[in-house]
Amino acid sequence: MAKQTIEFSDTLLMGEWRQVKGAPVGISEKILSRDPETGNLTRLVRFAPGVQIPAVQIHDFCEEVYILEGYMIDTGKKLTAPAGYYACRPVGMVHGPYDIPVTCLCFESRYQDPEKPKDPNCSLLK
């Protein structure tokens, strides 16, 4: 099975925003599509003003992020990423910690490394 087919749709009607499990309060997501066999997903992620992510992030999956609104600060790299900025992170890339002084809305894709066999233990499946 793969991600479902979706013609252009209004994302306002595509499910509810929900708190991201295990994340600090103020980080919510709206899943746009998901492959149940791989865990690969596309989502919107919204950070409320004042959210801080105090630890560095390292994933066992690939991640691509495009900032739609607002900005975030990678305090480890001393990098401010405003709307229009994009990141492509392969498995194991270190990023963060983050401060979100105002707000930030991101379009994000997470997927298992296409160069490797499907990993049934990938955290995307949990």
PDB file of N, CA and C in Angstrom:
ATOM      1  N   MET A   1       0.852  -1.177   0.000  1.00  0.00           N
ATOM      2  CA  MET A   1       0.000   0.000   0.000  1.00  0.00           C
ATOM      3  C   MET A   1       0.894   1.235   0.000  1.00  0.00           C
ATOM      4  N   ALA A   2       0.437   2.283  -0.604  1.00  0.00           N
ATOM      5  CA  ALA A   2       1.162   3.543  -0.639  1.00  0.00           C
ATOM      6  C   ALA A   2       0.270   4.637  -0.077  1.00  0.00           C
ATOM      7  N   LYS A   3       0.775   5.852  -0.095  1.00  0.00           N
ATOM      8  CA  LYS A   3      -0.072   6.968   0.311  1.00  0.00           C
ATOM      9  C   LYS A   3      -1.313   7.001  -0.570  1.00  0.00           C
ATOM     10  N   GLN A   4      -2.408   7.471  -0.003  1.00  0.00           N
ATOM     11  CA  GLN A   4      -3.666   7.539  -0.731  1.00  0.00           C
ATOM     12  C   GLN A   4      -3.611   8.611  -1.809  1.00  0.00           C
ATOM     13  N   THR A   5      -4.458   8.488  -2.804  1.00  0.00           N
ATOM     14  CA  THR A   5      -4.586   9.495  -3.846  1.00  0.00           C
ATOM     15  C   THR A   5      -5.483  10.606  -3.321  1.00  0.00           C
ATOM     16  N   ILE A   6      -5.011  11.838  -3.429  1.00  0.00           N
ATOM     17  CA  ILE A   6      -5.802  12.992  -2.993  1.00  0.00           C
ATOM     18  C   ILE A   6      -5.692  14.055  -4.076  1.00  0.00           C
ATOM     19  N   GLU A   7      -6.819  14.440  -4.654  1.00  0.00           N
ATOM     20  CA  GLU A   7      -6.834  15.543  -5.607  1.00  0.00           C
ATOM     21  C   GLU A   7      -6.724  16.832  -4.805  1.00  0.00           C
ATOM     22  N   PHE A   8      -6.443  17.955  -5.453  1.00  0.00           N
ATOM     23  CA  PHE A   8      -6.352  19.218  -4.729  1.00  0.00           C
ATOM     24  C   PHE A   8      -7.526  19.328  -3.770  1.00  0.00           C
ATOM     25  N   SER A   9      -7.211  19.594  -2.513  1.00  0.00           N
ATOM     26  CA  SER A   9      -8.221  19.654  -1.468  1.00  0.00           C
ATOM     27  C   SER A   9      -7.912  20.803  -0.522  1.00  0.00           C
ATOM     28  N   ASP A  10      -8.932  21.304   0.104  1.00  0.00           N
ATOM     29  CA  ASP A  10      -8.778  22.348   1.102  1.00  0.00           C
ATOM     30  C   ASP A  10      -8.263  21.711   2.389  1.00  0.00           C
ATOM     31  N   THR A  11      -7.061  22.092   2.822  1.00  0.00           N
ATOM     32  CA  THR A  11      -6.494  21.470   4.023  1.00  0.00           C
ATOM     33  C   THR A  11      -7.289  21.803   5.275  1.00  0.00           C
ATOM     34  N   LEU A  12      -8.103  22.867   5.224  1.00  0.00           N
ATOM     35  CA  LEU A  12      -8.946  23.170   6.377  1.00  0.00           C
ATOM     36  C   LEU A  12      -9.918  22.034   6.666  1.00  0.00           C
ATOM     37  N   LEU A  13     -10.265  21.275   5.638  1.00  0.00           N
ATOM     38  CA  LEU A  13     -11.229  20.184   5.782  1.00  0.00           C
ATOM     39  C   LEU A  13     -10.556  18.828   6.000  1.00  0.00           C
ATOM     40  N   MET A  14      -9.231  18.794   5.996  1.00  0.00           N
ATOM     41  CA  MET A  14      -8.508  17.520   6.069  1.00  0.00           C
ATOM     42  C   MET A  14      -8.125  17.174   7.513  1.00  0.00           C
ATOM     43  N   GLY A  15      -9.107  16.878   8.304  1.00  0.00           N
ATOM     44  CA  GLY A  15      -8.835  16.452   9.673  1.00  0.00           C
ATOM     45  C   GLY A  15      -8.561  17.618  10.606  1.00  0.00           C
ATOM     46  N   GLU A  16      -8.408  17.268  11.854  1.00  0.00           N
ATOM     47  CA  GLU A  16      -8.214  18.257  12.909  1.00  0.00           C
ATOM     48  C   GLU A  16      -6.732  18.412  13.242  1.00  0.00           C
ATOM     49  N   TRP A  17      -6.384  19.579  13.752  1.00  0.00           N
ATOM     50  CA  TRP A  17      -5.059  19.771  14.328  1.00  0.00           C
ATOM     51  C   TRP A  17      -5.012  18.993  15.639  1.00  0.00           C
ATOM     52  N   ARG A  18      -3.865  18.378  15.919  1.00  0.00           N
ATOM     53  CA  ARG A  18      -3.714  17.656  17.192  1.00  0.00           C
ATOM     54  C   ARG A  18      -2.316  17.909  17.742  1.00  0.00           C
ATOM     55  N   GLN A  19      -2.223  17.848  19.061  1.00  0.00           N
ATOM     56  CA  GLN A  19      -0.933  17.982  19.734  1.00  0.00           C
ATOM     57  C   GLN A  19      -0.021  16.856  19.259  1.00  0.00           C
ATOM     58  N   VAL A  20       1.235  17.164  18.945  1.00  0.00           N
ATOM     59  CA  VAL A  20       2.189  16.141  18.531  1.00  0.00           C
ATOM     60  C   VAL A  20       2.587  15.325  19.758  1.00  0.00           C
ATOM     61  N   LYS A  21       2.407  14.009  19.666  1.00  0.00           N
ATOM     62  CA  LYS A  21       2.727  13.122  20.786  1.00  0.00           C
ATOM     63  C   LYS A  21       4.198  13.236  21.160  1.00  0.00           C
ATOM     64  N   GLY A  22       4.462  13.399  22.458  1.00  0.00           N
ATOM     65  CA  GLY A  22       5.826  13.452  22.957  1.00  0.00           C
ATOM     66  C   GLY A  22       6.524  14.790  22.765  1.00  0.00           C
ATOM     67  N   ALA A  23       5.840  15.751  22.143  1.00  0.00           N
ATOM     68  CA  ALA A  23       6.439  17.065  21.895  1.00  0.00           C
ATOM     69  C   ALA A  23       5.989  18.054  22.968  1.00  0.00           C
ATOM     70  N   PRO A  24       6.742  19.145  23.131  1.00  0.00           N
ATOM     71  CA  PRO A  24       6.298  20.176  24.071  1.00  0.00           C
ATOM     72  C   PRO A  24       4.910  20.706  23.704  1.00  0.00           C
ATOM     73  N   VAL A  25       4.178  21.162  24.708  1.00  0.00           N
ATOM     74  CA  VAL A  25       2.870  21.764  24.477  1.00  0.00           C
ATOM     75  C   VAL A  25       3.047  22.944  23.531  1.00  0.00           C
ATOM     76  N   GLY A  26       2.122  23.072  22.581  1.00  0.00           N
ATOM     77  CA  GLY A  26       2.190  24.169  21.632  1.00  0.00           C
ATOM     78  C   GLY A  26       2.699  23.756  20.261  1.00  0.00           C
ATOM     79  N   ILE A  27       2.978  22.447  20.082  1.00  0.00           N
ATOM     80  CA  ILE A  27       3.365  21.949  18.769  1.00  0.00           C
ATOM     81  C   ILE A  27       2.252  21.027  18.297  1.00  0.00           C
ATOM     82  N   SER A  28       1.579  21.442  17.218  1.00  0.00           N
ATOM     83  CA  SER A  28       0.461  20.651  16.714  1.00  0.00           C
ATOM     84  C   SER A  28       0.699  20.278  15.249  1.00  0.00           C
ATOM     85  N   GLU A  29      -0.019  19.241  14.825  1.00  0.00           N
ATOM     86  CA  GLU A  29       0.152  18.730  13.466  1.00  0.00           C
ATOM     87  C   GLU A  29      -1.195  18.443  12.843  1.00  0.00           C
ATOM     88  N   LYS A  30      -1.193  18.481  11.516  1.00  0.00           N
ATOM     89  CA  LYS A  30      -2.332  18.039  10.726  1.00  0.00           C
ATOM     90  C   LYS A  30      -1.744  17.104   9.674  1.00  0.00           C
ATOM     91  N   ILE A  31      -2.048  15.805   9.786  1.00  0.00           N
ATOM     92  CA  ILE A  31      -1.545  14.821   8.828  1.00  0.00           C
ATOM     93  C   ILE A  31      -2.308  14.986   7.526  1.00  0.00           C
ATOM     94  N   LEU A  32      -1.578  15.180   6.433  1.00  0.00           N
ATOM     95  CA  LEU A  32      -2.203  15.317   5.122  1.00  0.00           C
ATOM     96  C   LEU A  32      -2.268  13.980   4.405  1.00  0.00           C
ATOM     97  N   SER A  33      -1.221  13.177   4.516  1.00  0.00           N
ATOM     98  CA  SER A  33      -1.231  11.832   3.938  1.00  0.00           C
ATOM     99  C   SER A  33      -0.215  10.976   4.678  1.00  0.00           C
ATOM    100  N   ARG A  34      -0.487   9.655   4.682  1.00  0.00           N
ATOM    101  CA  ARG A  34       0.382   8.721   5.405  1.00  0.00           C
ATOM    102  C   ARG A  34       0.296   7.356   4.751  1.00  0.00           C
ATOM    103  N   ASP A  35       1.452   6.696   4.645  1.00  0.00           N
ATOM    104  CA  ASP A  35       1.520   5.321   4.151  1.00  0.00           C
ATOM    105  C   ASP A  35       1.616   4.410   5.371  1.00  0.00           C
ATOM    106  N   PRO A  36       0.597   3.605   5.655  1.00  0.00           N
ATOM    107  CA  PRO A  36       0.617   2.772   6.857  1.00  0.00           C
ATOM    108  C   PRO A  36       1.685   1.681   6.841  1.00  0.00           C
ATOM    109  N   GLU A  37       2.176   1.305   5.674  1.00  0.00           N
ATOM    110  CA  GLU A  37       3.191   0.248   5.612  1.00  0.00           C
ATOM    111  C   GLU A  37       4.593   0.756   5.916  1.00  0.00           C
ATOM    112  N   THR A  38       4.890   1.997   5.579  1.00  0.00           N
ATOM    113  CA  THR A  38       6.229   2.554   5.806  1.00  0.00           C
ATOM    114  C   THR A  38       6.246   3.623   6.886  1.00  0.00           C
ATOM    115  N   GLY A  39       5.077   4.187   7.173  1.00  0.00           N
ATOM    116  CA  GLY A  39       5.003   5.314   8.093  1.00  0.00           C
ATOM    117  C   GLY A  39       5.294   6.641   7.423  1.00  0.00           C
ATOM    118  N   ASN A  40       5.693   6.617   6.158  1.00  0.00           N
ATOM    119  CA  ASN A  40       5.988   7.857   5.442  1.00  0.00           C
ATOM    120  C   ASN A  40       4.778   8.774   5.504  1.00  0.00           C
ATOM    121  N   LEU A  41       5.032  10.059   5.768  1.00  0.00           N
ATOM    122  CA  LEU A  41       3.897  10.967   5.905  1.00  0.00           C
ATOM    123  C   LEU A  41       4.236  12.364   5.436  1.00  0.00           C
ATOM    124  N   THR A  42       3.186  13.106   5.141  1.00  0.00           N
ATOM    125  CA  THR A  42       3.263  14.522   4.844  1.00  0.00           C
ATOM    126  C   THR A  42       2.316  15.204   5.810  1.00  0.00           C
ATOM    127  N   ARG A  43       2.786  16.307   6.400  1.00  0.00           N
ATOM    128  CA  ARG A  43       1.964  16.979   7.403  1.00  0.00           C
ATOM    129  C   ARG A  43       2.259  18.463   7.440  1.00  0.00           C
ATOM    130  N   LEU A  44       1.359  19.191   8.071  1.00  0.00           N
ATOM    131  CA  LEU A  44       1.598  20.567   8.472  1.00  0.00           C
ATOM    132  C   LEU A  44       1.938  20.537   9.948  1.00  0.00           C
ATOM    133  N   VAL A  45       2.915  21.322  10.359  1.00  0.00           N
ATOM    134  CA  VAL A  45       3.300  21.408  11.772  1.00  0.00           C
ATOM    135  C   VAL A  45       3.241  22.875  12.172  1.00  0.00           C
ATOM    136  N   ARG A  46       2.534  23.133  13.273  1.00  0.00           N
ATOM    137  CA  ARG A  46       2.353  24.502  13.756  1.00  0.00           C
ATOM    138  C   ARG A  46       2.973  24.630  15.149  1.00  0.00           C
ATOM    139  N   PHE A  47       3.821  25.641  15.313  1.00  0.00           N
ATOM    140  CA  PHE A  47       4.470  25.927  16.586  1.00  0.00           C
ATOM    141  C   PHE A  47       3.869  27.213  17.140  1.00  0.00           C
ATOM    142  N   ALA A  48       3.395  27.168  18.370  1.00  0.00           N
ATOM    143  CA  ALA A  48       2.832  28.346  19.020  1.00  0.00           C
ATOM    144  C   ALA A  48       3.962  29.297  19.431  1.00  0.00           C
ATOM    145  N   PRO A  49       3.641  30.581  19.621  1.00  0.00           N
ATOM    146  CA  PRO A  49       4.656  31.529  20.077  1.00  0.00           C
ATOM    147  C   PRO A  49       5.260  31.089  21.414  1.00  0.00           C
ATOM    148  N   GLY A  50       6.577  31.211  21.516  1.00  0.00           N
ATOM    149  CA  GLY A  50       7.269  30.892  22.767  1.00  0.00           C
ATOM    150  C   GLY A  50       7.676  29.437  22.940  1.00  0.00           C
ATOM    151  N   VAL A  51       7.334  28.579  21.992  1.00  0.00           N
ATOM    152  CA  VAL A  51       7.720  27.166  22.105  1.00  0.00           C
ATOM    153  C   VAL A  51       9.236  27.037  22.033  1.00  0.00           C
ATOM    154  N   GLN A  52       9.763  26.169  22.875  1.00  0.00           N
ATOM    155  CA  GLN A  52      11.184  25.838  22.843  1.00  0.00           C
ATOM    156  C   GLN A  52      11.335  24.331  22.750  1.00  0.00           C
ATOM    157  N   ILE A  53      12.265  23.906  21.920  1.00  0.00           N
ATOM    158  CA  ILE A  53      12.637  22.493  21.835  1.00  0.00           C
ATOM    159  C   ILE A  53      14.072  22.440  22.336  1.00  0.00           C
ATOM    160  N   PRO A  54      14.264  22.050  23.608  1.00  0.00           N
ATOM    161  CA  PRO A  54      15.569  22.216  24.258  1.00  0.00           C
ATOM    162  C   PRO A  54      16.645  21.208  23.856  1.00  0.00           C
ATOM    163  N   ALA A  55      16.274  20.118  23.225  1.00  0.00           N
ATOM    164  CA  ALA A  55      17.255  19.082  22.891  1.00  0.00           C
ATOM    165  C   ALA A  55      17.531  19.050  21.387  1.00  0.00           C
ATOM    166  N   VAL A  56      18.706  18.560  21.026  1.00  0.00           N
ATOM    167  CA  VAL A  56      18.984  18.343  19.608  1.00  0.00           C
ATOM    168  C   VAL A  56      18.077  17.216  19.123  1.00  0.00           C
ATOM    169  N   GLN A  57      17.804  17.232  17.824  1.00  0.00           N
ATOM    170  CA  GLN A  57      16.940  16.235  17.194  1.00  0.00           C
ATOM    171  C   GLN A  57      17.794  15.379  16.266  1.00  0.00           C
ATOM    172  N   ILE A  58      17.585  14.075  16.326  1.00  0.00           N
ATOM    173  CA  ILE A  58      18.222  13.126  15.419  1.00  0.00           C
ATOM    174  C   ILE A  58      17.175  12.070  15.119  1.00  0.00           C
ATOM    175  N   HIS A  59      16.899  11.826  13.815  1.00  0.00           N
ATOM    176  CA  HIS A  59      15.842  10.898  13.434  1.00  0.00           C
ATOM    177  C   HIS A  59      16.391   9.674  12.709  1.00  0.00           C
ATOM    178  N   ASP A  60      15.628   8.590  12.773  1.00  0.00           N
ATOM    179  CA  ASP A  60      15.957   7.373  12.013  1.00  0.00           C
ATOM    180  C   ASP A  60      15.191   7.354  10.690  1.00  0.00           C
ATOM    181  N   PHE A  61      14.773   8.525  10.213  1.00  0.00           N
ATOM    182  CA  PHE A  61      14.067   8.691   8.953  1.00  0.00           C
ATOM    183  C   PHE A  61      14.539   9.990   8.314  1.00  0.00           C
ATOM    184  N   CYS A  62      14.237  10.161   7.037  1.00  0.00           N
ATOM    185  CA  CYS A  62      14.548  11.402   6.324  1.00  0.00           C
ATOM    186  C   CYS A  62      13.429  12.400   6.589  1.00  0.00           C
ATOM    187  N   GLU A  63      13.790  13.671   6.545  1.00  0.00           N
ATOM    188  CA  GLU A  63      12.812  14.719   6.826  1.00  0.00           C
ATOM    189  C   GLU A  63      13.097  15.911   5.918  1.00  0.00           C
ATOM    190  N   GLU A  64      12.034  16.436   5.313  1.00  0.00           N
ATOM    191  CA  GLU A  64      12.137  17.663   4.537  1.00  0.00           C
ATOM    192  C   GLU A  64      11.140  18.660   5.108  1.00  0.00           C
ATOM    193  N   VAL A  65      11.592  19.885   5.307  1.00  0.00           N
ATOM    194  CA  VAL A  65      10.771  20.910   5.950  1.00  0.00           C
ATOM    195  C   VAL A  65      10.842  22.198   5.135  1.00  0.00           C
ATOM    196  N   TYR A  66       9.670  22.784   4.877  1.00  0.00           N
ATOM    197  CA  TYR A  66       9.575  24.084   4.226  1.00  0.00           C
ATOM    198  C   TYR A  66       8.778  24.997   5.152  1.00  0.00           C
ATOM    199  N   ILE A  67       9.346  26.138   5.507  1.00  0.00           N
ATOM    200  CA  ILE A  67       8.673  27.062   6.421  1.00  0.00           C
ATOM    201  C   ILE A  67       7.732  27.959   5.629  1.00  0.00           C
ATOM    202  N   LEU A  68       6.447  27.872   5.977  1.00  0.00           N
ATOM    203  CA  LEU A  68       5.397  28.627   5.290  1.00  0.00           C
ATOM    204  C   LEU A  68       5.164  29.999   5.912  1.00  0.00           C
ATOM    205  N   GLU A  69       5.172  30.057   7.249  1.00  0.00           N
ATOM    206  CA  GLU A  69       4.885  31.302   7.972  1.00  0.00           C
ATOM    207  C   GLU A  69       5.763  31.382   9.202  1.00  0.00           C
ATOM    208  N   GLY A  70       6.055  32.609   9.634  1.00  0.00           N
ATOM    209  CA  GLY A  70       6.823  32.809  10.858  1.00  0.00           C
ATOM    210  C   GLY A  70       8.278  32.426  10.680  1.00  0.00           C
ATOM    211  N   TYR A  71       8.893  32.011  11.793  1.00  0.00           N
ATOM    212  CA  TYR A  71      10.285  31.582  11.738  1.00  0.00           C
ATOM    213  C   TYR A  71      10.637  30.778  12.973  1.00  0.00           C
ATOM    214  N   MET A  72      11.768  30.089  12.884  1.00  0.00           N
ATOM    215  CA  MET A  72      12.323  29.383  14.029  1.00  0.00           C
ATOM    216  C   MET A  72      13.816  29.648  14.079  1.00  0.00           C
ATOM    217  N   ILE A  73      14.379  29.515  15.263  1.00  0.00           N
ATOM    218  CA  ILE A  73      15.801  29.725  15.452  1.00  0.00           C
ATOM    219  C   ILE A  73      16.423  28.418  15.909  1.00  0.00           C
ATOM    220  N   ASP A  74      17.388  27.918  15.140  1.00  0.00           N
ATOM    221  CA  ASP A  74      18.196  26.765  15.562  1.00  0.00           C
ATOM    222  C   ASP A  74      19.286  27.347  16.443  1.00  0.00           C
ATOM    223  N   THR A  75      19.109  27.223  17.757  1.00  0.00           N
ATOM    224  CA  THR A  75      20.044  27.848  18.684  1.00  0.00           C
ATOM    225  C   THR A  75      21.401  27.157  18.698  1.00  0.00           C
ATOM    226  N   GLY A  76      21.441  25.884  18.319  1.00  0.00           N
ATOM    227  CA  GLY A  76      22.714  25.173  18.244  1.00  0.00           C
ATOM    228  C   GLY A  76      23.579  25.678  17.103  1.00  0.00           C
ATOM    229  N   LYS A  77      22.940  25.969  15.969  1.00  0.00           N
ATOM    230  CA  LYS A  77      23.670  26.442  14.788  1.00  0.00           C
ATOM    231  C   LYS A  77      23.635  27.959  14.655  1.00  0.00           C
ATOM    232  N   LYS A  78      22.913  28.627  15.583  1.00  0.00           N
ATOM    233  CA  LYS A  78      22.745  30.073  15.522  1.00  0.00           C
ATOM    234  C   LYS A  78      22.244  30.500  14.135  1.00  0.00           C
ATOM    235  N   LEU A  79      21.161  29.838  13.718  1.00  0.00           N
ATOM    236  CA  LEU A  79      20.585  30.049  12.396  1.00  0.00           C
ATOM    237  C   LEU A  79      19.110  30.397  12.551  1.00  0.00           C
ATOM    238  N   THR A  80      18.703  31.518  11.973  1.00  0.00           N
ATOM    239  CA  THR A  80      17.288  31.889  11.937  1.00  0.00           C
ATOM    240  C   THR A  80      16.728  31.466  10.585  1.00  0.00           C
ATOM    241  N   ALA A  81      15.639  30.706  10.613  1.00  0.00           N
ATOM    242  CA  ALA A  81      15.015  30.187   9.397  1.00  0.00           C
ATOM    243  C   ALA A  81      13.613  30.776   9.272  1.00  0.00           C
ATOM    244  N   PRO A  82      13.443  31.776   8.389  1.00  0.00           N
ATOM    245  CA  PRO A  82      12.123  32.396   8.191  1.00  0.00           C
ATOM    246  C   PRO A  82      11.335  31.707   7.088  1.00  0.00           C
ATOM    247  N   ALA A  83      10.124  32.208   6.863  1.00  0.00           N
ATOM    248  CA  ALA A  83       9.277  31.702   5.779  1.00  0.00           C
ATOM    249  C   ALA A  83      10.066  31.697   4.478  1.00  0.00           C
ATOM    250  N   GLY A  84       9.911  30.600   3.725  1.00  0.00           N
ATOM    251  CA  GLY A  84      10.634  30.433   2.471  1.00  0.00           C
ATOM    252  C   GLY A  84      11.881  29.585   2.614  1.00  0.00           C
ATOM    253  N   TYR A  85      12.324  29.315   3.845  1.00  0.00           N
ATOM    254  CA  TYR A  85      13.502  28.475   4.054  1.00  0.00           C
ATOM    255  C   TYR A  85      13.106  27.003   3.990  1.00  0.00           C
ATOM    256  N   TYR A  86      14.059  26.192   3.555  1.00  0.00           N
ATOM    257  CA  TYR A  86      13.846  24.760   3.326  1.00  0.00           C
ATOM    258  C   TYR A  86      15.014  23.982   3.908  1.00  0.00           C
ATOM    259  N   ALA A  87      14.723  22.799   4.464  1.00  0.00           N
ATOM    260  CA  ALA A  87      15.758  21.889   4.962  1.00  0.00           C
ATOM    261  C   ALA A  87      15.473  20.481   4.458  1.00  0.00           C
ATOM    262  N   CYS A  88      16.524  19.766   4.096  1.00  0.00           N
ATOM    263  CA  CYS A  88      16.441  18.357   3.722  1.00  0.00           C
ATOM    264  C   CYS A  88      17.413  17.609   4.616  1.00  0.00           C
ATOM    265  N   ARG A  89      16.878  16.754   5.478  1.00  0.00           N
ATOM    266  CA  ARG A  89      17.691  16.094   6.499  1.00  0.00           C
ATOM    267  C   ARG A  89      17.699  14.587   6.292  1.00  0.00           C
ATOM    268  N   PRO A  90      18.855  14.029   5.938  1.00  0.00           N
ATOM    269  CA  PRO A  90      18.938  12.575   5.838  1.00  0.00           C
ATOM    270  C   PRO A  90      18.937  11.941   7.239  1.00  0.00           C
ATOM    271  N   VAL A  91      18.799  10.645   7.262  1.00  0.00           N
ATOM    272  CA  VAL A  91      18.834   9.895   8.523  1.00  0.00           C
ATOM    273  C   VAL A  91      20.075  10.299   9.320  1.00  0.00           C
ATOM    274  N   GLY A  92      19.877  10.601  10.604  1.00  0.00           N
ATOM    275  CA  GLY A  92      20.992  10.877  11.500  1.00  0.00           C
ATOM    276  C   GLY A  92      21.490  12.307  11.533  1.00  0.00           C
ATOM    277  N   MET A  93      20.933  13.203  10.710  1.00  0.00           N
ATOM    278  CA  MET A  93      21.399  14.600  10.721  1.00  0.00           C
ATOM    279  C   MET A  93      20.986  15.278  12.015  1.00  0.00           C
ATOM    280  N   VAL A  94      21.933  15.915  12.681  1.00  0.00           N
ATOM    281  CA  VAL A  94      21.678  16.616  13.941  1.00  0.00           C
ATOM    282  C   VAL A  94      21.118  18.001  13.620  1.00  0.00           C
ATOM    283  N   HIS A  95      20.041  18.384  14.307  1.00  0.00           N
ATOM    284  CA  HIS A  95      19.468  19.719  14.166  1.00  0.00           C
ATOM    285  C   HIS A  95      18.846  20.142  15.494  1.00  0.00           C
ATOM    286  N   GLY A  96      18.700  21.451  15.681  1.00  0.00           N
ATOM    287  CA  GLY A  96      18.179  21.977  16.941  1.00  0.00           C
ATOM    288  C   GLY A  96      19.304  22.147  17.947  1.00  0.00           C
ATOM    289  N   PRO A  97      18.913  22.538  19.156  1.00  0.00           N
ATOM    290  CA  PRO A  97      17.600  22.894  19.715  1.00  0.00           C
ATOM    291  C   PRO A  97      17.009  24.136  19.026  1.00  0.00           C
ATOM    292  N   TYR A  98      15.693  24.351  19.290  1.00  0.00           N
ATOM    293  CA  TYR A  98      14.971  25.420  18.613  1.00  0.00           C
ATOM    294  C   TYR A  98      14.252  26.335  19.589  1.00  0.00           C
ATOM    295  N   ASP A  99      14.163  27.606  19.185  1.00  0.00           N
ATOM    296  CA  ASP A  99      13.289  28.595  19.822  1.00  0.00           C
ATOM    297  C   ASP A  99      12.343  29.104  18.747  1.00  0.00           C
ATOM    298  N   ILE A 100      11.075  29.259  19.123  1.00  0.00           N
ATOM    299  CA  ILE A 100      10.083  29.831  18.221  1.00  0.00           C
ATOM    300  C   ILE A 100       9.494  31.048  18.940  1.00  0.00           C
ATOM    301  N   PRO A 101      10.082  32.233  18.724  1.00  0.00           N
ATOM    302  CA  PRO A 101       9.650  33.423  19.462  1.00  0.00           C
ATOM    303  C   PRO A 101       8.231  33.881  19.137  1.00  0.00           C
ATOM    304  N   VAL A 102       7.840  33.804  17.863  1.00  0.00           N
ATOM    305  CA  VAL A 102       6.501  34.276  17.504  1.00  0.00           C
ATOM    306  C   VAL A 102       5.615  33.093  17.171  1.00  0.00           C
ATOM    307  N   THR A 103       5.692  32.584  15.984  1.00  0.00           N
ATOM    308  CA  THR A 103       4.955  31.397  15.560  1.00  0.00           C
ATOM    309  C   THR A 103       5.668  30.829  14.350  1.00  0.00           C
ATOM    310  N   CYS A 104       5.344  29.609  13.989  1.00  0.00           N
ATOM    311  CA  CYS A 104       5.957  29.006  12.807  1.00  0.00           C
ATOM    312  C   CYS A 104       5.018  27.923  12.284  1.00  0.00           C
ATOM    313  N   LEU A 105       4.802  27.936  10.971  1.00  0.00           N
ATOM    314  CA  LEU A 105       4.005  26.918  10.299  1.00  0.00           C
ATOM    315  C   LEU A 105       4.880  26.284   9.232  1.00  0.00           C
ATOM    316  N   CYS A 106       4.990  24.954   9.280  1.00  0.00           N
ATOM    317  CA  CYS A 106       5.871  24.223   8.360  1.00  0.00           C
ATOM    318  C   CYS A 106       5.101  23.156   7.594  1.00  0.00           C
ATOM    319  N   PHE A 107       5.521  22.939   6.358  1.00  0.00           N
ATOM    320  CA  PHE A 107       5.094  21.810   5.543  1.00  0.00           C
ATOM    321  C   PHE A 107       6.228  20.801   5.644  1.00  0.00           C
ATOM    322  N   GLU A 108       5.906  19.567   5.996  1.00  0.00           N
ATOM    323  CA  GLU A 108       6.953  18.591   6.300  1.00  0.00           C
ATOM    324  C   GLU A 108       6.636  17.232   5.689  1.00  0.00           C
ATOM    325  N   SER A 109       7.665  16.602   5.145  1.00  0.00           N
ATOM    326  CA  SER A 109       7.570  15.212   4.685  1.00  0.00           C
ATOM    327  C   SER A 109       8.581  14.393   5.467  1.00  0.00           C
ATOM    328  N   ARG A 110       8.135  13.249   5.949  1.00  0.00           N
ATOM    329  CA  ARG A 110       8.999  12.305   6.660  1.00  0.00           C
ATOM    330  C   ARG A 110       8.895  10.969   5.950  1.00  0.00           C
ATOM    331  N   TYR A 111      10.038  10.336   5.706  1.00  0.00           N
ATOM    332  CA  TYR A 111      10.018   9.074   4.969  1.00  0.00           C
ATOM    333  C   TYR A 111      11.255   8.251   5.275  1.00  0.00           C
ATOM    334  N   GLN A 112      11.080   6.942   5.142  1.00  0.00           N
ATOM    335  CA  GLN A 112      12.221   6.051   5.307  1.00  0.00           C
ATOM    336  C   GLN A 112      13.197   6.284   4.157  1.00  0.00           C
ATOM    337  N   ASP A 113      14.458   6.044   4.412  1.00  0.00           N
ATOM    338  CA  ASP A 113      15.514   6.245   3.421  1.00  0.00           C
ATOM    339  C   ASP A 113      15.235   5.384   2.194  1.00  0.00           C
ATOM    340  N   PRO A 114      14.996   5.991   1.037  1.00  0.00           N
ATOM    341  CA  PRO A 114      14.667   5.206  -0.157  1.00  0.00           C
ATOM    342  C   PRO A 114      15.834   4.363  -0.674  1.00  0.00           C
ATOM    343  N   GLU A 115      17.040   4.629  -0.182  1.00  0.00           N
ATOM    344  CA  GLU A 115      18.222   3.867  -0.610  1.00  0.00           C
ATOM    345  C   GLU A 115      18.397   2.570   0.187  1.00  0.00           C
ATOM    346  N   LYS A 116      17.558   2.384   1.207  1.00  0.00           N
ATOM    347  CA  LYS A 116      17.691   1.210   2.076  1.00  0.00           C
ATOM    348  C   LYS A 116      16.390   0.415   2.086  1.00  0.00           C
ATOM    349  N   PRO A 117      16.456  -0.872   2.450  1.00  0.00           N
ATOM    350  CA  PRO A 117      15.215  -1.655   2.564  1.00  0.00           C
ATOM    351  C   PRO A 117      14.299  -1.083   3.649  1.00  0.00           C
ATOM    352  N   LYS A 118      13.007  -1.323   3.492  1.00  0.00           N
ATOM    353  CA  LYS A 118      12.033  -0.860   4.484  1.00  0.00           C
ATOM    354  C   LYS A 118      12.401  -1.410   5.861  1.00  0.00           C
ATOM    355  N   ASP A 119      12.428  -0.548   6.859  1.00  0.00           N
ATOM    356  CA  ASP A 119      12.773  -0.922   8.224  1.00  0.00           C
ATOM    357  C   ASP A 119      11.502  -1.039   9.057  1.00  0.00           C
ATOM    358  N   PRO A 120      11.114  -2.263   9.443  1.00  0.00           N
ATOM    359  CA  PRO A 120       9.885  -2.418  10.218  1.00  0.00           C
ATOM    360  C   PRO A 120       9.983  -1.835  11.630  1.00  0.00           C
ATOM    361  N   ASN A 121      11.198  -1.473  12.055  1.00  0.00           N
ATOM    362  CA  ASN A 121      11.400  -0.881  13.384  1.00  0.00           C
ATOM    363  C   ASN A 121      11.538   0.632  13.323  1.00  0.00           C
ATOM    364  N   CYS A 122      11.366   1.235  12.152  1.00  0.00           N
ATOM    365  CA  CYS A 122      11.492   2.681  12.015  1.00  0.00           C
ATOM    366  C   CYS A 122      10.484   3.394  12.924  1.00  0.00           C
ATOM    367  N   SER A 123      10.919   4.448  13.566  1.00  0.00           N
ATOM    368  CA  SER A 123      10.033   5.171  14.495  1.00  0.00           C
ATOM    369  C   SER A 123       8.819   5.778  13.801  1.00  0.00           C
ATOM    370  N   LEU A 124       8.842   5.919  12.490  1.00  0.00           N
ATOM    371  CA  LEU A 124       7.662   6.404  11.766  1.00  0.00           C
ATOM    372  C   LEU A 124       6.476   5.443  11.910  1.00  0.00           C
ATOM    373  N   LEU A 125       6.771   4.194  12.199  1.00  0.00           N
ATOM    374  CA  LEU A 125       5.698   3.186  12.318  1.00  0.00           C
ATOM    375  C   LEU A 125       5.163   3.090  13.742  1.00  0.00           C
ATOM    376  N   LYS A 126       5.698   3.853  14.650  1.00  0.00           N
ATOM    377  CA  LYS A 126       5.253   3.775  16.048  1.00  0.00           C
ATOM    378  C   LYS A 126       4.252   4.841  16.377  1.00  0.00           C
TER     379      LYS A 126
END
